[in-house]
Amino acid sequence: MTPSLHATVKGKVQGVYFRAWVYDQAVSLGLSGWVRNLADGTVEVLAQGAPEALDALKERLPQGSPLSRVDAVTAKMIEYDKHYETFALRG
């Protein structure tokens, strides 16, 4: 099990480069994992890495990309059964 940050972001977060922004933030913090759009219009994030870097990403998510509008972020630390080597954009 790998300690991971799991987050769901609600608001105007699809079609506004929000996933690309999360990707850039995660890579700059040295995190691995993924970000993806969900069918309900939210964005899901799973990030792994140093606790300080995970905290930093969690603090950045509410600000979002320049074109996005974040209404709510639900984030928690979980134990995830897979370890990722890189950070990826998913569908």
PDB file of N, CA and C in Angstrom:
ATOM      1  N   MET A   1       0.839  -1.183   0.000  1.00  0.00           N
ATOM      2  CA  MET A   1       0.000   0.000   0.000  1.00  0.00           C
ATOM      3  C   MET A   1       0.888   1.252   0.000  1.00  0.00           C
ATOM      4  N   THR A   2       0.474   2.224  -0.777  1.00  0.00           N
ATOM      5  CA  THR A   2       1.232   3.464  -0.902  1.00  0.00           C
ATOM      6  C   THR A   2       0.391   4.626  -0.404  1.00  0.00           C
ATOM      7  N   PRO A   3       0.894   5.421   0.552  1.00  0.00           N
ATOM      8  CA  PRO A   3       0.156   6.609   0.986  1.00  0.00           C
ATOM      9  C   PRO A   3      -0.066   7.538  -0.215  1.00  0.00           C
ATOM     10  N   SER A   4      -1.313   7.951  -0.406  1.00  0.00           N
ATOM     11  CA  SER A   4      -1.677   8.731  -1.585  1.00  0.00           C
ATOM     12  C   SER A   4      -2.706   9.785  -1.217  1.00  0.00           C
ATOM     13  N   LEU A   5      -2.725  10.851  -2.000  1.00  0.00           N
ATOM     14  CA  LEU A   5      -3.751  11.872  -1.882  1.00  0.00           C
ATOM     15  C   LEU A   5      -4.795  11.589  -2.952  1.00  0.00           C
ATOM     16  N   HIS A   6      -6.041  11.436  -2.530  1.00  0.00           N
ATOM     17  CA  HIS A   6      -7.145  11.246  -3.477  1.00  0.00           C
ATOM     18  C   HIS A   6      -8.043  12.463  -3.367  1.00  0.00           C
ATOM     19  N   ALA A   7      -8.330  13.111  -4.499  1.00  0.00           N
ATOM     20  CA  ALA A   7      -9.143  14.322  -4.485  1.00  0.00           C
ATOM     21  C   ALA A   7     -10.143  14.305  -5.626  1.00  0.00           C
ATOM     22  N   THR A   8     -11.295  14.911  -5.358  1.00  0.00           N
ATOM     23  CA  THR A   8     -12.310  15.158  -6.370  1.00  0.00           C
ATOM     24  C   THR A   8     -12.574  16.656  -6.376  1.00  0.00           C
ATOM     25  N   VAL A   9     -12.555  17.235  -7.570  1.00  0.00           N
ATOM     26  CA  VAL A   9     -12.705  18.685  -7.713  1.00  0.00           C
ATOM     27  C   VAL A   9     -13.977  18.974  -8.504  1.00  0.00           C
ATOM     28  N   LYS A  10     -14.834  19.831  -7.922  1.00  0.00           N
ATOM     29  CA  LYS A  10     -16.104  20.201  -8.558  1.00  0.00           C
ATOM     30  C   LYS A  10     -16.053  21.658  -8.990  1.00  0.00           C
ATOM     31  N   GLY A  11     -16.814  21.966 -10.029  1.00  0.00           N
ATOM     32  CA  GLY A  11     -16.895  23.330 -10.539  1.00  0.00           C
ATOM     33  C   GLY A  11     -16.750  23.311 -12.052  1.00  0.00           C
ATOM     34  N   LYS A  12     -16.292  24.409 -12.606  1.00  0.00           N
ATOM     35  CA  LYS A  12     -16.009  24.473 -14.043  1.00  0.00           C
ATOM     36  C   LYS A  12     -14.565  24.007 -14.228  1.00  0.00           C
ATOM     37  N   VAL A  13     -14.405  22.684 -14.276  1.00  0.00           N
ATOM     38  CA  VAL A  13     -13.060  22.101 -14.280  1.00  0.00           C
ATOM     39  C   VAL A  13     -12.806  21.173 -15.472  1.00  0.00           C
ATOM     40  N   GLN A  14     -13.764  21.082 -16.384  1.00  0.00           N
ATOM     41  CA  GLN A  14     -13.538  20.309 -17.605  1.00  0.00           C
ATOM     42  C   GLN A  14     -13.586  21.252 -18.794  1.00  0.00           C
ATOM     43  N   GLY A  15     -12.665  21.050 -19.740  1.00  0.00           N
ATOM     44  CA  GLY A  15     -12.610  21.875 -20.930  1.00  0.00           C
ATOM     45  C   GLY A  15     -11.954  23.228 -20.703  1.00  0.00           C
ATOM     46  N   VAL A  16     -11.252  23.381 -19.578  1.00  0.00           N
ATOM     47  CA  VAL A  16     -10.601  24.655 -19.240  1.00  0.00           C
ATOM     48  C   VAL A  16      -9.136  24.446 -18.839  1.00  0.00           C
ATOM     49  N   TYR A  17      -8.555  23.352 -19.336  1.00  0.00           N
ATOM     50  CA  TYR A  17      -7.138  23.028 -19.089  1.00  0.00           C
ATOM     51  C   TYR A  17      -6.830  22.754 -17.614  1.00  0.00           C
ATOM     52  N   PHE A  18      -7.861  22.379 -16.840  1.00  0.00           N
ATOM     53  CA  PHE A  18      -7.636  22.091 -15.433  1.00  0.00           C
ATOM     54  C   PHE A  18      -6.751  20.854 -15.253  1.00  0.00           C
ATOM     55  N   ARG A  19      -7.021  19.787 -16.015  1.00  0.00           N
ATOM     56  CA  ARG A  19      -6.183  18.582 -15.885  1.00  0.00           C
ATOM     57  C   ARG A  19      -4.733  18.888 -16.229  1.00  0.00           C
ATOM     58  N   ALA A  20      -4.502  19.650 -17.284  1.00  0.00           N
ATOM     59  CA  ALA A  20      -3.130  20.011 -17.660  1.00  0.00           C
ATOM     60  C   ALA A  20      -2.470  20.829 -16.554  1.00  0.00           C
ATOM     61  N   TRP A  21      -3.238  21.705 -15.918  1.00  0.00           N
ATOM     62  CA  TRP A  21      -2.713  22.511 -14.819  1.00  0.00           C
ATOM     63  C   TRP A  21      -2.345  21.619 -13.632  1.00  0.00           C
ATOM     64  N   VAL A  22      -3.218  20.651 -13.301  1.00  0.00           N
ATOM     65  CA  VAL A  22      -2.912  19.709 -12.211  1.00  0.00           C
ATOM     66  C   VAL A  22      -1.656  18.918 -12.553  1.00  0.00           C
ATOM     67  N   TYR A  23      -1.555  18.472 -13.791  1.00  0.00           N
ATOM     68  CA  TYR A  23      -0.369  17.744 -14.245  1.00  0.00           C
ATOM     69  C   TYR A  23       0.890  18.577 -14.004  1.00  0.00           C
ATOM     70  N   ASP A  24       0.864  19.830 -14.442  1.00  0.00           N
ATOM     71  CA  ASP A  24       2.028  20.703 -14.273  1.00  0.00           C
ATOM     72  C   ASP A  24       2.365  20.892 -12.792  1.00  0.00           C
ATOM     73  N   GLN A  25       1.347  21.087 -11.962  1.00  0.00           N
ATOM     74  CA  GLN A  25       1.573  21.263 -10.529  1.00  0.00           C
ATOM     75  C   GLN A  25       2.207  20.003  -9.930  1.00  0.00           C
ATOM     76  N   ALA A  26       1.644  18.847 -10.266  1.00  0.00           N
ATOM     77  CA  ALA A  26       2.136  17.583  -9.722  1.00  0.00           C
ATOM     78  C   ALA A  26       3.577  17.314 -10.140  1.00  0.00           C
ATOM     79  N   VAL A  27       3.868  17.512 -11.414  1.00  0.00           N
ATOM     80  CA  VAL A  27       5.228  17.276 -11.911  1.00  0.00           C
ATOM     81  C   VAL A  27       6.210  18.233 -11.231  1.00  0.00           C
ATOM     82  N   SER A  28       5.819  19.491 -11.078  1.00  0.00           N
ATOM     83  CA  SER A  28       6.722  20.462 -10.437  1.00  0.00           C
ATOM     84  C   SER A  28       6.987  20.108  -8.974  1.00  0.00           C
ATOM     85  N   LEU A  29       6.055  19.388  -8.353  1.00  0.00           N
ATOM     86  CA  LEU A  29       6.221  18.973  -6.955  1.00  0.00           C
ATOM     87  C   LEU A  29       6.871  17.600  -6.825  1.00  0.00           C
ATOM     88  N   GLY A  30       7.176  16.963  -7.955  1.00  0.00           N
ATOM     89  CA  GLY A  30       7.819  15.649  -7.931  1.00  0.00           C
ATOM     90  C   GLY A  30       6.867  14.510  -7.577  1.00  0.00           C
ATOM     91  N   LEU A  31       5.585  14.670  -7.890  1.00  0.00           N
ATOM     92  CA  LEU A  31       4.593  13.657  -7.553  1.00  0.00           C
ATOM     93  C   LEU A  31       4.358  12.698  -8.712  1.00  0.00           C
ATOM     94  N   SER A  32       3.859  11.525  -8.395  1.00  0.00           N
ATOM     95  CA  SER A  32       3.420  10.565  -9.396  1.00  0.00           C
ATOM     96  C   SER A  32       1.926  10.330  -9.187  1.00  0.00           C
ATOM     97  N   GLY A  33       1.294   9.638 -10.155  1.00  0.00           N
ATOM     98  CA  GLY A  33      -0.134   9.354 -10.063  1.00  0.00           C
ATOM     99  C   GLY A  33      -0.842   9.733 -11.340  1.00  0.00           C
ATOM    100  N   TRP A  34      -2.066  10.276 -11.222  1.00  0.00           N
ATOM    101  CA  TRP A  34      -2.841  10.616 -12.407  1.00  0.00           C
ATOM    102  C   TRP A  34      -3.935  11.619 -12.085  1.00  0.00           C
ATOM    103  N   VAL A  35      -4.482  12.203 -13.151  1.00  0.00           N
ATOM    104  CA  VAL A  35      -5.634  13.104 -13.074  1.00  0.00           C
ATOM    105  C   VAL A  35      -6.550  12.744 -14.238  1.00  0.00           C
ATOM    106  N   ARG A  36      -7.872  12.723 -13.983  1.00  0.00           N
ATOM    107  CA  ARG A  36      -8.809  12.355 -15.043  1.00  0.00           C
ATOM    108  C   ARG A  36     -10.150  13.050 -14.865  1.00  0.00           C
ATOM    109  N   ASN A  37     -10.852  13.235 -15.993  1.00  0.00           N
ATOM    110  CA  ASN A  37     -12.215  13.737 -15.988  1.00  0.00           C
ATOM    111  C   ASN A  37     -13.157  12.601 -15.634  1.00  0.00           C
ATOM    112  N   LEU A  38     -14.209  12.909 -14.881  1.00  0.00           N
ATOM    113  CA  LEU A  38     -15.258  11.942 -14.595  1.00  0.00           C
ATOM    114  C   LEU A  38     -16.528  12.333 -15.350  1.00  0.00           C
ATOM    115  N   ALA A  39     -17.394  11.369 -15.566  1.00  0.00           N
ATOM    116  CA  ALA A  39     -18.606  11.584 -16.358  1.00  0.00           C
ATOM    117  C   ALA A  39     -19.540  12.631 -15.751  1.00  0.00           C
ATOM    118  N   ASP A  40     -19.463  12.849 -14.445  1.00  0.00           N
ATOM    119  CA  ASP A  40     -20.355  13.814 -13.789  1.00  0.00           C
ATOM    120  C   ASP A  40     -19.851  15.253 -13.858  1.00  0.00           C
ATOM    121  N   GLY A  41     -18.758  15.490 -14.600  1.00  0.00           N
ATOM    122  CA  GLY A  41     -18.223  16.844 -14.755  1.00  0.00           C
ATOM    123  C   GLY A  41     -17.157  17.219 -13.748  1.00  0.00           C
ATOM    124  N   THR A  42     -16.833  16.323 -12.840  1.00  0.00           N
ATOM    125  CA  THR A  42     -15.779  16.589 -11.866  1.00  0.00           C
ATOM    126  C   THR A  42     -14.446  16.062 -12.386  1.00  0.00           C
ATOM    127  N   VAL A  43     -13.389  16.381 -11.667  1.00  0.00           N
ATOM    128  CA  VAL A  43     -12.050  15.880 -11.982  1.00  0.00           C
ATOM    129  C   VAL A  43     -11.544  15.116 -10.765  1.00  0.00           C
ATOM    130  N   GLU A  44     -10.947  13.957 -11.000  1.00  0.00           N
ATOM    131  CA  GLU A  44     -10.408  13.113  -9.945  1.00  0.00           C
ATOM    132  C   GLU A  44      -8.886  13.119 -10.026  1.00  0.00           C
ATOM    133  N   VAL A  45      -8.244  13.196  -8.862  1.00  0.00           N
ATOM    134  CA  VAL A  45      -6.785  13.222  -8.783  1.00  0.00           C
ATOM    135  C   VAL A  45      -6.326  12.146  -7.813  1.00  0.00           C
ATOM    136  N   LEU A  46      -5.305  11.397  -8.193  1.00  0.00           N
ATOM    137  CA  LEU A  46      -4.625  10.493  -7.275  1.00  0.00           C
ATOM    138  C   LEU A  46      -3.143  10.830  -7.376  1.00  0.00           C
ATOM    139  N   ALA A  47      -2.560  11.265  -6.270  1.00  0.00           N
ATOM    140  CA  ALA A  47      -1.150  11.679  -6.277  1.00  0.00           C
ATOM    141  C   ALA A  47      -0.383  10.936  -5.199  1.00  0.00           C
ATOM    142  N   GLN A  48       0.874  10.627  -5.494  1.00  0.00           N
ATOM    143  CA  GLN A  48       1.763   9.933  -4.568  1.00  0.00           C
ATOM    144  C   GLN A  48       3.091  10.657  -4.520  1.00  0.00           C
ATOM    145  N   GLY A  49       3.708  10.682  -3.338  1.00  0.00           N
ATOM    146  CA  GLY A  49       4.998  11.326  -3.199  1.00  0.00           C
ATOM    147  C   GLY A  49       5.248  11.750  -1.772  1.00  0.00           C
ATOM    148  N   ALA A  50       6.158  12.690  -1.615  1.00  0.00           N
ATOM    149  CA  ALA A  50       6.522  13.179  -0.283  1.00  0.00           C
ATOM    150  C   ALA A  50       5.315  13.857   0.371  1.00  0.00           C
ATOM    151  N   PRO A  51       5.135  13.649   1.674  1.00  0.00           N
ATOM    152  CA  PRO A  51       3.991  14.254   2.370  1.00  0.00           C
ATOM    153  C   PRO A  51       3.888  15.765   2.184  1.00  0.00           C
ATOM    154  N   GLU A  52       5.027  16.467   2.179  1.00  0.00           N
ATOM    155  CA  GLU A  52       5.001  17.924   2.007  1.00  0.00           C
ATOM    156  C   GLU A  52       4.503  18.295   0.612  1.00  0.00           C
ATOM    157  N   ALA A  53       4.894  17.515  -0.388  1.00  0.00           N
ATOM    158  CA  ALA A  53       4.468  17.776  -1.757  1.00  0.00           C
ATOM    159  C   ALA A  53       2.975  17.489  -1.919  1.00  0.00           C
ATOM    160  N   LEU A  54       2.490  16.428  -1.285  1.00  0.00           N
ATOM    161  CA  LEU A  54       1.058  16.123  -1.332  1.00  0.00           C
ATOM    162  C   LEU A  54       0.256  17.240  -0.674  1.00  0.00           C
ATOM    163  N   ASP A  55       0.737  17.732   0.462  1.00  0.00           N
ATOM    164  CA  ASP A  55       0.071  18.855   1.133  1.00  0.00           C
ATOM    165  C   ASP A  55       0.041  20.090   0.239  1.00  0.00           C
ATOM    166  N   ALA A  56       1.151  20.342  -0.461  1.00  0.00           N
ATOM    167  CA  ALA A  56       1.233  21.504  -1.347  1.00  0.00           C
ATOM    168  C   ALA A  56       0.218  21.383  -2.485  1.00  0.00           C
ATOM    169  N   LEU A  57       0.097  20.195  -3.083  1.00  0.00           N
ATOM    170  CA  LEU A  57      -0.889  20.003  -4.145  1.00  0.00           C
ATOM    171  C   LEU A  57      -2.302  20.194  -3.609  1.00  0.00           C
ATOM    172  N   LYS A  58      -2.562  19.639  -2.446  1.00  0.00           N
ATOM    173  CA  LYS A  58      -3.887  19.786  -1.823  1.00  0.00           C
ATOM    174  C   LYS A  58      -4.240  21.261  -1.609  1.00  0.00           C
ATOM    175  N   GLU A  59      -3.257  22.064  -1.221  1.00  0.00           N
ATOM    176  CA  GLU A  59      -3.481  23.496  -1.009  1.00  0.00           C
ATOM    177  C   GLU A  59      -3.680  24.242  -2.333  1.00  0.00           C
ATOM    178  N   ARG A  60      -3.072  23.764  -3.419  1.00  0.00           N
ATOM    179  CA  ARG A  60      -3.171  24.439  -4.717  1.00  0.00           C
ATOM    180  C   ARG A  60      -4.462  24.120  -5.469  1.00  0.00           C
ATOM    181  N   LEU A  61      -5.043  22.944  -5.239  1.00  0.00           N
ATOM    182  CA  LEU A  61      -6.213  22.523  -6.009  1.00  0.00           C
ATOM    183  C   LEU A  61      -7.359  23.534  -5.986  1.00  0.00           C
ATOM    184  N   PRO A  62      -7.681  24.168  -4.855  1.00  0.00           N
ATOM    185  CA  PRO A  62      -8.796  25.123  -4.860  1.00  0.00           C
ATOM    186  C   PRO A  62      -8.594  26.342  -5.760  1.00  0.00           C
ATOM    187  N   GLN A  63      -7.352  26.700  -6.060  1.00  0.00           N
ATOM    188  CA  GLN A  63      -7.136  27.871  -6.922  1.00  0.00           C
ATOM    189  C   GLN A  63      -7.374  27.528  -8.390  1.00  0.00           C
ATOM    190  N   GLY A  64      -7.016  26.336  -8.825  1.00  0.00           N
ATOM    191  CA  GLY A  64      -7.285  25.879 -10.181  1.00  0.00           C
ATOM    192  C   GLY A  64      -6.533  26.631 -11.259  1.00  0.00           C
ATOM    193  N   SER A  65      -6.804  26.215 -12.493  1.00  0.00           N
ATOM    194  CA  SER A  65      -6.179  26.839 -13.656  1.00  0.00           C
ATOM    195  C   SER A  65      -6.831  28.197 -13.911  1.00  0.00           C
ATOM    196  N   PRO A  66      -6.180  29.061 -14.702  1.00  0.00           N
ATOM    197  CA  PRO A  66      -6.725  30.407 -14.933  1.00  0.00           C
ATOM    198  C   PRO A  66      -8.148  30.431 -15.492  1.00  0.00           C
ATOM    199  N   LEU A  67      -8.521  29.463 -16.319  1.00  0.00           N
ATOM    200  CA  LEU A  67      -9.852  29.461 -16.924  1.00  0.00           C
ATOM    201  C   LEU A  67     -10.890  28.680 -16.113  1.00  0.00           C
ATOM    202  N   SER A  68     -10.453  27.982 -15.079  1.00  0.00           N
ATOM    203  CA  SER A  68     -11.377  27.151 -14.304  1.00  0.00           C
ATOM    204  C   SER A  68     -12.037  27.943 -13.172  1.00  0.00           C
ATOM    205  N   ARG A  69     -13.063  27.318 -12.606  1.00  0.00           N
ATOM    206  CA  ARG A  69     -13.689  27.828 -11.388  1.00  0.00           C
ATOM    207  C   ARG A  69     -13.896  26.627 -10.475  1.00  0.00           C
ATOM    208  N   VAL A  70     -13.190  26.589  -9.381  1.00  0.00           N
ATOM    209  CA  VAL A  70     -13.302  25.472  -8.445  1.00  0.00           C
ATOM    210  C   VAL A  70     -14.332  25.837  -7.386  1.00  0.00           C
ATOM    211  N   ASP A  71     -15.384  25.021  -7.298  1.00  0.00           N
ATOM    212  CA  ASP A  71     -16.430  25.242  -6.300  1.00  0.00           C
ATOM    213  C   ASP A  71     -16.172  24.451  -5.025  1.00  0.00           C
ATOM    214  N   ALA A  72     -15.583  23.263  -5.147  1.00  0.00           N
ATOM    215  CA  ALA A  72     -15.341  22.423  -3.970  1.00  0.00           C
ATOM    216  C   ALA A  72     -14.247  21.410  -4.272  1.00  0.00           C
ATOM    217  N   VAL A  73     -13.465  21.113  -3.251  1.00  0.00           N
ATOM    218  CA  VAL A  73     -12.447  20.074  -3.332  1.00  0.00           C
ATOM    219  C   VAL A  73     -12.661  19.131  -2.160  1.00  0.00           C
ATOM    220  N   THR A  74     -12.805  17.855  -2.457  1.00  0.00           N
ATOM    221  CA  THR A  74     -12.855  16.830  -1.429  1.00  0.00           C
ATOM    222  C   THR A  74     -11.551  16.064  -1.532  1.00  0.00           C
ATOM    223  N   ALA A  75     -10.735  16.117  -0.488  1.00  0.00           N
ATOM    224  CA  ALA A  75      -9.417  15.479  -0.545  1.00  0.00           C
ATOM    225  C   ALA A  75      -9.136  14.740   0.754  1.00  0.00           C
ATOM    226  N   LYS A  76      -8.532  13.568   0.610  1.00  0.00           N
ATOM    227  CA  LYS A  76      -8.151  12.794   1.797  1.00  0.00           C
ATOM    228  C   LYS A  76      -6.955  11.914   1.470  1.00  0.00           C
ATOM    229  N   MET A  77      -6.228  11.581   2.504  1.00  0.00           N
ATOM    230  CA  MET A  77      -5.113  10.654   2.366  1.00  0.00           C
ATOM    231  C   MET A  77      -5.669   9.236   2.439  1.00  0.00           C
ATOM    232  N   ILE A  78      -5.204   8.389   1.529  1.00  0.00           N
ATOM    233  CA  ILE A  78      -5.634   6.990   1.494  1.00  0.00           C
ATOM    234  C   ILE A  78      -4.407   6.097   1.325  1.00  0.00           C
ATOM    235  N   GLU A  79      -4.584   4.813   1.566  1.00  0.00           N
ATOM    236  CA  GLU A  79      -3.569   3.811   1.253  1.00  0.00           C
ATOM    237  C   GLU A  79      -3.991   3.183  -0.065  1.00  0.00           C
ATOM    238  N   TYR A  80      -3.198   3.359  -1.115  1.00  0.00           N
ATOM    239  CA  TYR A  80      -3.553   2.872  -2.443  1.00  0.00           C
ATOM    240  C   TYR A  80      -2.733   1.637  -2.757  1.00  0.00           C
ATOM    241  N   ASP A  81      -3.341   0.661  -3.432  1.00  0.00           N
ATOM    242  CA  ASP A  81      -2.674  -0.623  -3.653  1.00  0.00           C
ATOM    243  C   ASP A  81      -1.710  -0.643  -4.840  1.00  0.00           C
ATOM    244  N   LYS A  82      -1.569   0.477  -5.535  1.00  0.00           N
ATOM    245  CA  LYS A  82      -0.651   0.533  -6.673  1.00  0.00           C
ATOM    246  C   LYS A  82       0.278   1.727  -6.508  1.00  0.00           C
ATOM    247  N   HIS A  83       1.525   1.563  -6.936  1.00  0.00           N
ATOM    248  CA  HIS A  83       2.500   2.656  -6.892  1.00  0.00           C
ATOM    249  C   HIS A  83       2.780   3.105  -8.327  1.00  0.00           C
ATOM    250  N   TYR A  84       2.734   4.403  -8.560  1.00  0.00           N
ATOM    251  CA  TYR A  84       2.999   4.976  -9.885  1.00  0.00           C
ATOM    252  C   TYR A  84       4.390   5.599  -9.914  1.00  0.00           C
ATOM    253  N   GLU A  85       5.046   5.487 -11.066  1.00  0.00           N
ATOM    254  CA  GLU A  85       6.386   6.039 -11.236  1.00  0.00           C
ATOM    255  C   GLU A  85       6.356   7.457 -11.803  1.00  0.00           C
ATOM    256  N   THR A  86       5.308   7.783 -12.564  1.00  0.00           N
ATOM    257  CA  THR A  86       5.193   9.085 -13.209  1.00  0.00           C
ATOM    258  C   THR A  86       3.795   9.633 -12.968  1.00  0.00           C
ATOM    259  N   PHE A  87       3.560  10.869 -13.380  1.00  0.00           N
ATOM    260  CA  PHE A  87       2.226  11.454 -13.292  1.00  0.00           C
ATOM    261  C   PHE A  87       1.640  11.486 -14.697  1.00  0.00           C
ATOM    262  N   ALA A  88       0.374  11.082 -14.839  1.00  0.00           N
ATOM    263  CA  ALA A  88      -0.238  10.949 -16.160  1.00  0.00           C
ATOM    264  C   ALA A  88      -1.573  11.675 -16.255  1.00  0.00           C
ATOM    265  N   LEU A  89      -1.859  12.159 -17.458  1.00  0.00           N
ATOM    266  CA  LEU A  89      -3.185  12.686 -17.799  1.00  0.00           C
ATOM    267  C   LEU A  89      -4.016  11.507 -18.299  1.00  0.00           C
ATOM    268  N   ARG A  90      -5.182  11.362 -17.742  1.00  0.00           N
ATOM    269  CA  ARG A  90      -6.097  10.312 -18.211  1.00  0.00           C
ATOM    270  C   ARG A  90      -7.368  10.970 -18.709  1.00  0.00           C
ATOM    271  N   GLY A  91      -8.159  10.204 -19.491  1.00  0.00           N
ATOM    272  CA  GLY A  91      -9.401  10.669 -20.075  1.00  0.00           C
ATOM    273  C   GLY A  91     -10.317  11.415 -19.252  1.00  0.00           C
TER     274      GLY A  91
END
